[in-house]
N, C-alpha and C. Protein backbone atom coordinates (compact mmCIF):
# COMPACT_ATOMS: atom_id res chain seq x y z
N UNK A 1 0.81 -1.17 0.00
CA UNK A 1 0.00 0.00 0.00
C UNK A 1 0.87 1.25 0.00
N UNK A 2 2.00 1.22 0.75
CA UNK A 2 2.88 2.35 0.76
C UNK A 2 3.45 2.59 -0.62
N UNK A 3 3.70 1.45 -1.35
CA UNK A 3 4.24 1.61 -2.69
C UNK A 3 3.22 2.26 -3.60
N UNK A 4 1.97 1.91 -3.54
CA UNK A 4 0.99 2.49 -4.43
C UNK A 4 0.74 3.96 -4.08
N UNK A 5 0.84 4.31 -2.79
CA UNK A 5 0.69 5.71 -2.41
C UNK A 5 1.86 6.50 -2.99
N UNK A 6 3.07 6.01 -2.97
CA UNK A 6 4.23 6.68 -3.52
C UNK A 6 4.07 6.88 -5.01
N UNK A 7 3.54 5.83 -5.70
CA UNK A 7 3.32 5.95 -7.15
C UNK A 7 2.32 7.06 -7.43
N UNK A 8 1.22 7.08 -6.65
CA UNK A 8 0.20 8.09 -6.87
C UNK A 8 0.71 9.51 -6.56
N UNK A 9 1.50 9.68 -5.53
CA UNK A 9 2.05 10.99 -5.18
C UNK A 9 3.02 11.45 -6.25
N UNK A 10 3.88 10.50 -6.73
CA UNK A 10 4.83 10.83 -7.79
C UNK A 10 4.09 11.23 -9.06
N UNK A 11 3.03 10.48 -9.41
CA UNK A 11 2.25 10.78 -10.61
C UNK A 11 1.58 12.16 -10.48
N UNK A 12 1.07 12.45 -9.30
CA UNK A 12 0.41 13.75 -9.08
C UNK A 12 1.40 14.90 -9.20
N UNK A 13 2.59 14.73 -8.59
CA UNK A 13 3.59 15.79 -8.68
C UNK A 13 4.08 15.98 -10.11
N UNK A 14 4.26 14.87 -10.84
CA UNK A 14 4.71 14.95 -12.23
C UNK A 14 3.66 15.64 -13.08
N UNK A 15 2.40 15.32 -12.88
CA UNK A 15 1.31 15.94 -13.64
C UNK A 15 1.24 17.44 -13.34
N UNK A 16 1.37 17.79 -12.07
CA UNK A 16 1.32 19.21 -11.70
C UNK A 16 2.48 19.97 -12.31
N UNK A 17 3.66 19.36 -12.30
CA UNK A 17 4.84 20.02 -12.86
C UNK A 17 4.69 20.19 -14.36
N UNK A 18 4.29 19.12 -15.06
CA UNK A 18 4.12 19.20 -16.51
C UNK A 18 2.98 20.15 -16.88
N UNK A 19 1.91 20.14 -16.09
CA UNK A 19 0.79 21.03 -16.37
C UNK A 19 1.19 22.49 -16.22
N UNK A 20 2.00 22.79 -15.20
CA UNK A 20 2.45 24.15 -15.00
C UNK A 20 3.36 24.59 -16.13
N UNK A 21 4.19 23.67 -16.63
CA UNK A 21 5.09 24.01 -17.72
C UNK A 21 4.33 24.23 -19.01
N UNK A 22 3.19 23.59 -19.16
CA UNK A 22 2.43 23.71 -20.40
C UNK A 22 1.60 24.99 -20.45
N UNK A 23 1.36 25.59 -19.28
CA UNK A 23 0.57 26.81 -19.24
C UNK A 23 1.45 27.96 -19.69
N UNK A 24 1.01 28.75 -20.68
CA UNK A 24 1.84 29.86 -21.13
C UNK A 24 2.04 30.87 -20.01
N UNK A 25 3.22 31.40 -19.96
CA UNK A 25 3.55 32.39 -18.95
C UNK A 25 2.79 33.67 -19.23
N UNK A 26 2.31 34.28 -18.20
CA UNK A 26 1.61 35.55 -18.33
C UNK A 26 2.64 36.64 -18.03
N UNK A 27 2.77 37.57 -18.97
CA UNK A 27 3.74 38.64 -18.78
C UNK A 27 3.32 39.52 -17.62
N UNK A 28 4.29 39.86 -16.84
CA UNK A 28 4.02 40.79 -15.75
C UNK A 28 3.70 42.14 -16.36
N UNK A 29 2.83 42.89 -15.74
CA UNK A 29 2.52 44.21 -16.31
C UNK A 29 3.79 45.04 -16.43
N UNK A 30 3.93 45.66 -17.60
CA UNK A 30 5.11 46.49 -17.84
C UNK A 30 5.04 47.71 -16.95
N UNK A 31 6.20 48.15 -16.54
CA UNK A 31 6.24 49.38 -15.75
C UNK A 31 5.69 50.50 -16.61
N UNK A 32 4.88 51.31 -16.03
CA UNK A 32 4.28 52.41 -16.78
C UNK A 32 5.39 53.33 -17.27
N UNK A 33 5.38 53.64 -18.58
CA UNK A 33 6.41 54.56 -19.07
C UNK A 33 6.22 55.92 -18.43
N UNK A 34 7.32 56.62 -18.27
CA UNK A 34 7.26 57.96 -17.70
C UNK A 34 6.43 58.83 -18.63
N UNK A 35 5.46 59.46 -18.09
CA UNK A 35 4.59 60.31 -18.90
C UNK A 35 5.40 61.44 -19.50
N UNK A 36 5.24 61.62 -20.79
CA UNK A 36 5.92 62.73 -21.46
C UNK A 36 5.32 64.04 -20.96
N UNK A 37 6.16 64.99 -20.73
CA UNK A 37 5.68 66.28 -20.26
C UNK A 37 4.81 66.91 -21.34
N UNK A 38 3.68 67.42 -20.95
CA UNK A 38 2.80 68.11 -21.88
C UNK A 38 3.33 69.53 -22.03
N UNK A 39 4.11 69.73 -23.06
CA UNK A 39 4.77 71.02 -23.24
C UNK A 39 3.83 72.01 -23.90
N UNK A 40 3.84 73.25 -23.43
CA UNK A 40 2.98 74.27 -24.01
C UNK A 40 3.39 74.58 -25.45
N UNK A 41 2.43 74.94 -26.22
CA UNK A 41 2.71 75.32 -27.61
C UNK A 41 2.04 76.66 -27.88
N UNK A 42 2.41 77.26 -28.98
CA UNK A 42 1.75 78.49 -29.37
C UNK A 42 2.38 79.77 -28.84
N UNK A 43 3.57 79.68 -28.25
CA UNK A 43 4.19 80.89 -27.75
C UNK A 43 4.66 81.79 -28.87
N UNK A 44 5.23 81.24 -29.91
CA UNK A 44 5.74 82.02 -31.03
C UNK A 44 7.11 82.62 -30.75
N UNK A 45 7.71 83.16 -31.80
CA UNK A 45 9.06 83.72 -31.66
C UNK A 45 9.12 85.19 -32.07
N UNK A 46 7.96 85.83 -32.20
CA UNK A 46 7.94 87.26 -32.54
C UNK A 46 8.19 88.11 -31.30
N UNK A 47 8.60 89.36 -31.52
CA UNK A 47 8.88 90.29 -30.42
C UNK A 47 7.68 90.43 -29.50
N UNK A 48 7.98 90.61 -28.22
CA UNK A 48 6.94 90.83 -27.22
C UNK A 48 7.33 92.08 -26.42
N UNK A 49 6.36 92.99 -26.23
CA UNK A 49 6.64 94.28 -25.60
C UNK A 49 5.49 94.70 -24.69
N UNK A 50 5.84 95.36 -23.58
CA UNK A 50 4.88 96.01 -22.70
C UNK A 50 5.53 97.32 -22.28
N UNK A 51 4.90 98.42 -22.54
CA UNK A 51 5.51 99.73 -22.35
C UNK A 51 5.40 100.30 -20.94
N UNK A 52 4.97 99.52 -19.96
CA UNK A 52 4.88 100.02 -18.58
C UNK A 52 6.27 100.39 -18.06
N UNK A 53 6.32 101.08 -16.94
CA UNK A 53 7.60 101.46 -16.34
C UNK A 53 7.52 101.48 -14.84
N UNK A 54 8.61 101.13 -14.18
CA UNK A 54 8.62 101.12 -12.73
C UNK A 54 8.77 102.53 -12.18
N UNK A 55 8.43 102.67 -10.92
CA UNK A 55 8.56 103.99 -10.28
C UNK A 55 9.53 103.87 -9.11
N UNK A 56 10.82 103.82 -9.42
CA UNK A 56 11.83 103.80 -8.37
C UNK A 56 12.40 102.43 -8.03
N UNK A 57 11.82 101.35 -8.55
CA UNK A 57 12.37 100.02 -8.28
C UNK A 57 13.52 99.76 -9.25
N UNK A 58 14.42 98.87 -8.86
CA UNK A 58 15.59 98.61 -9.71
C UNK A 58 15.94 97.13 -9.74
N UNK A 59 16.70 96.75 -10.75
CA UNK A 59 17.14 95.36 -10.94
C UNK A 59 18.18 95.02 -9.87
N UNK A 60 18.02 93.85 -9.25
CA UNK A 60 18.98 93.40 -8.24
C UNK A 60 19.66 92.10 -8.63
N UNK A 61 19.03 91.30 -9.52
CA UNK A 61 19.59 90.00 -9.84
C UNK A 61 19.03 89.49 -11.16
N UNK A 62 19.79 88.60 -11.80
CA UNK A 62 19.32 87.86 -12.97
C UNK A 62 19.75 86.42 -12.74
N UNK A 63 18.84 85.48 -13.01
CA UNK A 63 19.12 84.07 -12.75
C UNK A 63 18.40 83.20 -13.77
N UNK A 64 18.75 81.93 -13.78
CA UNK A 64 18.17 81.00 -14.74
C UNK A 64 17.69 79.74 -14.03
N UNK A 65 16.84 78.97 -14.72
CA UNK A 65 16.36 77.70 -14.20
C UNK A 65 16.02 76.76 -15.34
N UNK A 66 16.05 75.46 -15.06
CA UNK A 66 15.74 74.45 -16.06
C UNK A 66 14.41 73.79 -15.74
N UNK A 67 13.61 73.53 -16.77
CA UNK A 67 12.32 72.86 -16.64
C UNK A 67 12.22 71.79 -17.72
N UNK A 68 11.23 70.91 -17.62
CA UNK A 68 11.09 69.83 -18.60
C UNK A 68 10.90 70.34 -20.02
N UNK A 69 10.19 71.43 -20.19
CA UNK A 69 9.83 71.91 -21.52
C UNK A 69 10.56 73.17 -21.97
N UNK A 70 11.19 73.86 -21.05
CA UNK A 70 11.81 75.15 -21.38
C UNK A 70 12.92 75.48 -20.39
N UNK A 71 13.75 76.44 -20.79
CA UNK A 71 14.73 77.03 -19.89
C UNK A 71 14.18 78.41 -19.50
N UNK A 72 14.42 78.82 -18.27
CA UNK A 72 13.83 80.05 -17.73
C UNK A 72 14.91 81.07 -17.37
N UNK A 73 14.66 82.33 -17.73
CA UNK A 73 15.51 83.46 -17.38
C UNK A 73 14.66 84.42 -16.54
N UNK A 74 15.16 84.80 -15.36
CA UNK A 74 14.39 85.66 -14.45
C UNK A 74 15.21 86.89 -14.09
N UNK A 75 14.59 88.05 -14.18
CA UNK A 75 15.19 89.30 -13.75
C UNK A 75 14.42 89.75 -12.52
N UNK A 76 15.12 89.91 -11.40
CA UNK A 76 14.48 90.30 -10.15
C UNK A 76 14.45 91.82 -10.02
N UNK A 77 13.26 92.35 -9.79
CA UNK A 77 13.05 93.78 -9.57
C UNK A 77 12.15 93.91 -8.33
N UNK A 78 12.74 93.72 -7.14
CA UNK A 78 11.94 93.74 -5.91
C UNK A 78 11.16 95.05 -5.76
N UNK A 79 9.93 94.91 -5.29
CA UNK A 79 9.09 96.08 -5.07
C UNK A 79 8.24 96.46 -6.27
N UNK A 80 8.58 96.00 -7.46
CA UNK A 80 7.78 96.32 -8.65
C UNK A 80 6.57 95.39 -8.72
N UNK A 81 5.44 95.94 -9.05
CA UNK A 81 4.26 95.10 -9.27
C UNK A 81 4.33 94.54 -10.68
N UNK A 82 3.58 93.49 -10.93
CA UNK A 82 3.55 92.88 -12.26
C UNK A 82 3.18 93.93 -13.32
N UNK A 83 2.22 94.77 -13.01
CA UNK A 83 1.76 95.78 -13.97
C UNK A 83 2.83 96.82 -14.28
N UNK A 84 3.77 97.05 -13.36
CA UNK A 84 4.81 98.06 -13.57
C UNK A 84 5.99 97.55 -14.41
N UNK A 85 6.12 96.25 -14.56
CA UNK A 85 7.30 95.70 -15.24
C UNK A 85 7.16 95.77 -16.76
N UNK A 86 7.65 96.89 -17.30
CA UNK A 86 7.69 97.03 -18.74
C UNK A 86 8.87 96.26 -19.30
N UNK A 87 8.77 95.85 -20.55
CA UNK A 87 9.83 95.05 -21.15
C UNK A 87 9.75 95.10 -22.67
N UNK A 88 10.83 94.67 -23.28
CA UNK A 88 10.91 94.44 -24.72
C UNK A 88 11.82 93.22 -24.89
N UNK A 89 11.30 92.17 -25.52
CA UNK A 89 12.06 90.94 -25.73
C UNK A 89 11.89 90.52 -27.18
N UNK A 90 13.03 90.28 -27.85
CA UNK A 90 12.94 89.85 -29.25
C UNK A 90 14.27 89.33 -29.76
N UNK A 91 14.19 88.54 -30.81
CA UNK A 91 15.40 88.01 -31.45
C UNK A 91 16.07 89.10 -32.27
N UNK A 92 17.40 89.12 -32.22
CA UNK A 92 18.20 90.09 -32.96
C UNK A 92 19.32 89.34 -33.68
N UNK A 93 19.85 89.98 -34.73
CA UNK A 93 20.96 89.37 -35.47
C UNK A 93 22.28 89.48 -34.71
N UNK A 94 22.42 90.57 -33.94
CA UNK A 94 23.60 90.74 -33.09
C UNK A 94 23.18 91.52 -31.86
N UNK A 95 23.91 91.28 -30.77
CA UNK A 95 23.61 91.96 -29.52
C UNK A 95 24.38 93.27 -29.48
N UNK A 96 23.66 94.38 -29.50
CA UNK A 96 24.26 95.71 -29.56
C UNK A 96 23.92 96.47 -28.28
N UNK A 97 24.96 96.93 -27.61
CA UNK A 97 24.78 97.66 -26.35
C UNK A 97 24.13 99.01 -26.61
N UNK A 98 23.08 99.30 -25.82
CA UNK A 98 22.40 100.58 -25.92
C UNK A 98 22.97 101.49 -24.84
N UNK A 99 23.36 102.68 -25.07
CA UNK A 99 23.26 103.48 -26.29
C UNK A 99 24.55 103.52 -27.11
N UNK A 100 25.60 102.85 -26.64
CA UNK A 100 26.91 103.00 -27.28
C UNK A 100 26.96 102.45 -28.70
N UNK A 101 26.13 101.45 -28.99
CA UNK A 101 26.17 100.84 -30.31
C UNK A 101 27.26 99.78 -30.43
N UNK A 102 27.98 99.49 -29.35
CA UNK A 102 29.02 98.46 -29.38
C UNK A 102 28.41 97.08 -29.54
N UNK A 103 28.98 96.30 -30.45
CA UNK A 103 28.57 94.91 -30.65
C UNK A 103 29.17 94.06 -29.53
N UNK A 104 28.34 93.27 -28.85
CA UNK A 104 28.80 92.37 -27.79
C UNK A 104 28.63 90.94 -28.29
N UNK A 105 29.72 90.22 -28.51
CA UNK A 105 29.61 88.83 -28.98
C UNK A 105 28.89 87.96 -27.94
N UNK A 106 28.04 87.08 -28.44
CA UNK A 106 27.30 86.18 -27.57
C UNK A 106 27.12 84.86 -28.29
N UNK A 107 27.37 83.75 -27.60
CA UNK A 107 27.30 82.42 -28.21
C UNK A 107 25.87 81.92 -28.37
N UNK A 108 25.70 81.01 -29.32
CA UNK A 108 24.39 80.39 -29.56
C UNK A 108 23.98 80.54 -31.00
N UNK A 109 22.95 79.82 -31.38
CA UNK A 109 22.44 79.87 -32.74
C UNK A 109 21.50 81.05 -32.97
N UNK A 110 21.00 81.65 -31.89
CA UNK A 110 20.11 82.81 -31.97
C UNK A 110 20.31 83.64 -30.69
N UNK A 111 19.95 84.92 -30.77
CA UNK A 111 20.16 85.84 -29.65
C UNK A 111 18.84 86.53 -29.30
N UNK A 112 18.49 86.48 -28.02
CA UNK A 112 17.35 87.26 -27.51
C UNK A 112 17.89 88.51 -26.82
N UNK A 113 17.39 89.67 -27.23
CA UNK A 113 17.70 90.94 -26.59
C UNK A 113 16.55 91.20 -25.61
N UNK A 114 16.89 91.25 -24.31
CA UNK A 114 15.88 91.40 -23.26
C UNK A 114 16.12 92.72 -22.55
N UNK A 115 15.10 93.57 -22.53
CA UNK A 115 15.19 94.87 -21.86
C UNK A 115 14.04 94.99 -20.88
N UNK A 116 14.38 95.40 -19.67
CA UNK A 116 13.36 95.59 -18.65
C UNK A 116 13.37 97.06 -18.25
N UNK A 117 12.18 97.60 -18.03
CA UNK A 117 12.04 99.01 -17.67
C UNK A 117 12.33 99.24 -16.20
N UNK A 118 13.57 98.98 -15.82
CA UNK A 118 14.04 99.22 -14.45
C UNK A 118 15.55 99.36 -14.53
N UNK A 119 16.11 100.36 -13.85
CA UNK A 119 17.56 100.54 -13.91
C UNK A 119 18.30 99.51 -13.06
N UNK A 120 19.57 99.34 -13.37
CA UNK A 120 20.44 98.47 -12.58
C UNK A 120 21.22 99.28 -11.56
N UNK A 121 20.68 100.43 -11.17
CA UNK A 121 21.33 101.31 -10.21
C UNK A 121 20.25 102.09 -9.45
N UNK A 122 20.60 102.55 -8.28
CA UNK A 122 19.70 103.35 -7.47
C UNK A 122 19.62 104.73 -8.09
N UNK A 123 18.40 105.17 -8.41
CA UNK A 123 18.22 106.46 -9.09
C UNK A 123 18.65 107.65 -8.23
N UNK A 124 18.56 107.53 -6.91
CA UNK A 124 18.91 108.64 -6.04
C UNK A 124 20.42 108.76 -5.80
N UNK A 125 21.09 107.62 -5.67
CA UNK A 125 22.52 107.66 -5.33
C UNK A 125 23.43 107.32 -6.50
N UNK A 126 22.88 106.67 -7.52
CA UNK A 126 23.69 106.25 -8.66
C UNK A 126 24.47 104.97 -8.37
N UNK A 127 24.30 104.39 -7.19
CA UNK A 127 25.00 103.17 -6.80
C UNK A 127 24.42 101.97 -7.55
N UNK A 128 25.30 101.13 -8.09
CA UNK A 128 24.86 99.93 -8.81
C UNK A 128 24.07 99.01 -7.88
N UNK A 129 22.94 98.51 -8.37
CA UNK A 129 22.14 97.55 -7.60
C UNK A 129 22.25 96.15 -8.20
N UNK A 130 22.75 96.08 -9.42
CA UNK A 130 23.00 94.80 -10.07
C UNK A 130 24.49 94.69 -10.35
N UNK A 131 25.14 93.58 -9.98
CA UNK A 131 26.60 93.49 -10.08
C UNK A 131 27.16 93.18 -11.48
N UNK A 132 26.31 93.08 -12.48
CA UNK A 132 26.80 92.77 -13.82
C UNK A 132 27.68 93.85 -14.40
N UNK A 133 28.57 93.45 -15.30
CA UNK A 133 29.46 94.38 -16.01
C UNK A 133 29.14 94.31 -17.50
N UNK A 134 28.93 95.47 -18.14
CA UNK A 134 28.59 95.47 -19.56
C UNK A 134 29.56 94.64 -20.40
N UNK A 135 28.98 93.79 -21.24
CA UNK A 135 29.76 92.95 -22.15
C UNK A 135 30.21 91.64 -21.54
N UNK A 136 30.00 91.45 -20.25
CA UNK A 136 30.47 90.25 -19.55
C UNK A 136 29.32 89.27 -19.30
N UNK A 137 29.67 87.98 -19.08
CA UNK A 137 28.64 87.00 -18.70
C UNK A 137 27.97 87.44 -17.39
N UNK A 138 26.74 87.02 -17.20
CA UNK A 138 26.00 87.42 -16.00
C UNK A 138 26.59 86.74 -14.77
N UNK A 139 26.85 87.50 -13.72
CA UNK A 139 27.43 86.92 -12.51
C UNK A 139 26.50 85.90 -11.87
N UNK A 140 27.07 84.77 -11.47
CA UNK A 140 26.31 83.73 -10.78
C UNK A 140 25.48 82.83 -11.67
N UNK A 141 25.53 83.02 -12.98
CA UNK A 141 24.74 82.20 -13.89
C UNK A 141 25.65 81.15 -14.53
N UNK A 142 25.30 79.87 -14.33
CA UNK A 142 26.04 78.74 -14.91
C UNK A 142 25.07 77.96 -15.79
N UNK A 143 25.32 77.93 -17.08
CA UNK A 143 24.40 77.28 -18.02
C UNK A 143 24.77 75.83 -18.33
N UNK A 144 25.64 75.24 -17.57
CA UNK A 144 26.01 73.85 -17.77
C UNK A 144 24.77 72.96 -17.64
N UNK A 145 24.53 72.12 -18.64
CA UNK A 145 23.40 71.19 -18.60
C UNK A 145 22.10 71.74 -19.15
N UNK A 146 22.08 72.98 -19.57
CA UNK A 146 20.84 73.55 -20.12
C UNK A 146 20.62 73.04 -21.54
N UNK A 147 19.36 72.79 -21.91
CA UNK A 147 19.04 72.29 -23.25
C UNK A 147 18.93 73.41 -24.28
N UNK A 148 18.53 74.59 -23.85
CA UNK A 148 18.29 75.68 -24.79
C UNK A 148 19.26 76.84 -24.63
N UNK A 149 19.54 77.26 -23.41
CA UNK A 149 20.42 78.41 -23.19
C UNK A 149 21.87 78.04 -23.47
N UNK A 150 22.60 78.98 -24.10
CA UNK A 150 24.00 78.76 -24.43
C UNK A 150 24.94 79.82 -23.83
N UNK A 151 24.46 81.08 -23.69
CA UNK A 151 25.33 82.15 -23.23
C UNK A 151 24.48 83.30 -22.70
N UNK A 152 25.08 84.11 -21.83
CA UNK A 152 24.42 85.32 -21.33
C UNK A 152 25.42 86.47 -21.34
N UNK A 153 24.93 87.68 -21.51
CA UNK A 153 25.76 88.88 -21.42
C UNK A 153 24.90 90.02 -20.86
N UNK A 154 25.56 90.89 -20.14
CA UNK A 154 24.89 92.08 -19.63
C UNK A 154 25.19 93.22 -20.59
N UNK A 155 24.13 93.89 -21.05
CA UNK A 155 24.31 95.02 -21.95
C UNK A 155 24.56 96.30 -21.19
N UNK A 156 24.05 96.39 -19.98
CA UNK A 156 24.20 97.59 -19.18
C UNK A 156 22.86 98.18 -18.81
N UNK A 157 22.90 99.33 -18.19
CA UNK A 157 21.70 100.02 -17.77
C UNK A 157 21.84 101.48 -18.15
N UNK A 158 20.81 102.00 -18.83
CA UNK A 158 20.88 103.37 -19.33
C UNK A 158 19.47 103.95 -19.34
N UNK A 159 19.33 105.13 -18.77
CA UNK A 159 18.05 105.86 -18.76
C UNK A 159 16.88 104.99 -18.30
N UNK A 160 17.09 104.30 -17.18
CA UNK A 160 16.00 103.54 -16.59
C UNK A 160 15.71 102.20 -17.25
N UNK A 161 16.54 101.79 -18.16
CA UNK A 161 16.37 100.49 -18.85
C UNK A 161 17.59 99.63 -18.59
N UNK A 162 17.38 98.33 -18.33
CA UNK A 162 18.49 97.39 -18.20
C UNK A 162 18.40 96.38 -19.34
N UNK A 163 19.55 96.05 -19.92
CA UNK A 163 19.61 95.22 -21.12
C UNK A 163 20.41 93.94 -20.85
N UNK A 164 19.83 92.82 -21.28
CA UNK A 164 20.46 91.51 -21.13
C UNK A 164 20.43 90.79 -22.48
N UNK A 165 21.50 90.06 -22.77
CA UNK A 165 21.56 89.24 -23.97
C UNK A 165 21.54 87.78 -23.58
N UNK A 166 20.73 87.01 -24.29
CA UNK A 166 20.59 85.59 -24.01
C UNK A 166 20.84 84.81 -25.29
N UNK A 167 21.95 84.05 -25.32
CA UNK A 167 22.25 83.21 -26.46
C UNK A 167 21.53 81.88 -26.30
N UNK A 168 20.75 81.50 -27.31
CA UNK A 168 19.99 80.25 -27.26
C UNK A 168 20.41 79.35 -28.42
N UNK A 169 20.04 78.07 -28.30
CA UNK A 169 20.43 77.05 -29.28
C UNK A 169 19.96 77.41 -30.70
N UNK A 170 18.73 77.87 -30.83
CA UNK A 170 18.13 78.22 -32.11
C UNK A 170 17.00 79.21 -31.86
N UNK A 171 16.44 79.73 -32.92
CA UNK A 171 15.29 80.64 -32.77
C UNK A 171 14.07 79.80 -32.39
N UNK A 172 13.79 79.78 -31.10
CA UNK A 172 12.73 78.95 -30.55
C UNK A 172 11.62 79.81 -29.96
N UNK A 173 10.43 79.24 -29.76
CA UNK A 173 9.34 80.02 -29.18
C UNK A 173 9.66 80.43 -27.74
N UNK A 174 9.15 81.58 -27.36
CA UNK A 174 9.35 82.06 -25.99
C UNK A 174 8.11 82.78 -25.51
N UNK A 175 8.02 82.92 -24.19
CA UNK A 175 6.94 83.71 -23.59
C UNK A 175 7.56 84.61 -22.53
N UNK A 176 6.84 85.68 -22.20
CA UNK A 176 7.28 86.62 -21.17
C UNK A 176 6.17 86.71 -20.13
N UNK A 177 6.56 86.56 -18.87
CA UNK A 177 5.60 86.65 -17.77
C UNK A 177 5.99 87.81 -16.85
N UNK A 178 5.01 88.61 -16.49
CA UNK A 178 5.21 89.69 -15.52
C UNK A 178 4.64 89.20 -14.19
N UNK A 179 5.50 89.10 -13.21
CA UNK A 179 5.08 88.71 -11.86
C UNK A 179 5.51 89.81 -10.90
N UNK A 180 4.88 89.89 -9.76
CA UNK A 180 5.31 90.89 -8.78
C UNK A 180 6.78 90.65 -8.45
N UNK A 181 7.63 91.63 -8.73
CA UNK A 181 9.05 91.55 -8.41
C UNK A 181 9.91 90.78 -9.39
N UNK A 182 9.33 90.24 -10.47
CA UNK A 182 10.11 89.42 -11.39
C UNK A 182 9.60 89.54 -12.83
N UNK A 183 10.54 89.64 -13.76
CA UNK A 183 10.22 89.49 -15.17
C UNK A 183 10.79 88.13 -15.58
N UNK A 184 9.97 87.30 -16.19
CA UNK A 184 10.34 85.93 -16.53
C UNK A 184 10.28 85.73 -18.04
N UNK A 185 11.35 85.15 -18.60
CA UNK A 185 11.37 84.80 -20.02
C UNK A 185 11.64 83.30 -20.11
N UNK A 186 10.66 82.55 -20.64
CA UNK A 186 10.79 81.11 -20.84
C UNK A 186 11.04 80.86 -22.32
N UNK A 187 12.07 80.05 -22.62
CA UNK A 187 12.37 79.70 -24.02
C UNK A 187 12.20 78.19 -24.14
N UNK A 188 11.31 77.78 -25.04
CA UNK A 188 10.98 76.36 -25.22
C UNK A 188 12.18 75.56 -25.74
N UNK A 189 12.21 74.27 -25.42
CA UNK A 189 13.27 73.39 -25.92
C UNK A 189 13.07 73.05 -27.39
N UNK A 190 11.82 73.11 -27.86
CA UNK A 190 11.55 72.78 -29.27
C UNK A 190 10.25 73.45 -29.70
N UNK A 191 9.95 73.35 -30.96
CA UNK A 191 8.70 73.87 -31.50
C UNK A 191 7.64 72.86 -31.19
């Protein structure tokens, strides 16, 4: 009887093993692919302008940031309301310092000339409020690893306007945002 029980147990185990091998394997669910960022479209690459002007506020800093869909350039003008931040942003063939007319070389496949209606100096004392030097890269800005930005230069500040040059990979769409205390220029990674 022990022998027949052993035969039956062996037969059952063999059948279970063969049956499991004959069943097709079910693929484990694939890991969900990382969702592609829904990048904004429709910004365009034509000049953008707002003729507002600040009343006594001045530029203190310029900085950059990286995002999934665009690279960001921010000019800090503490105390200015969004409505007061006048600007002119557009692509140019060469970056020319206002008012001297001096050509300032800037790297990249295209150049954005960015002007904000706020001086880089205190209007009462004449003391510089922004540490940039005309014709030089922007202090504290490191573009290593950026997909779109290639170079930056400070054009200077004259008659209440501050000028910045932004070298980008190509002529790409951009948008300008006026926020309290900040002028923001986003340049898309692609069309």
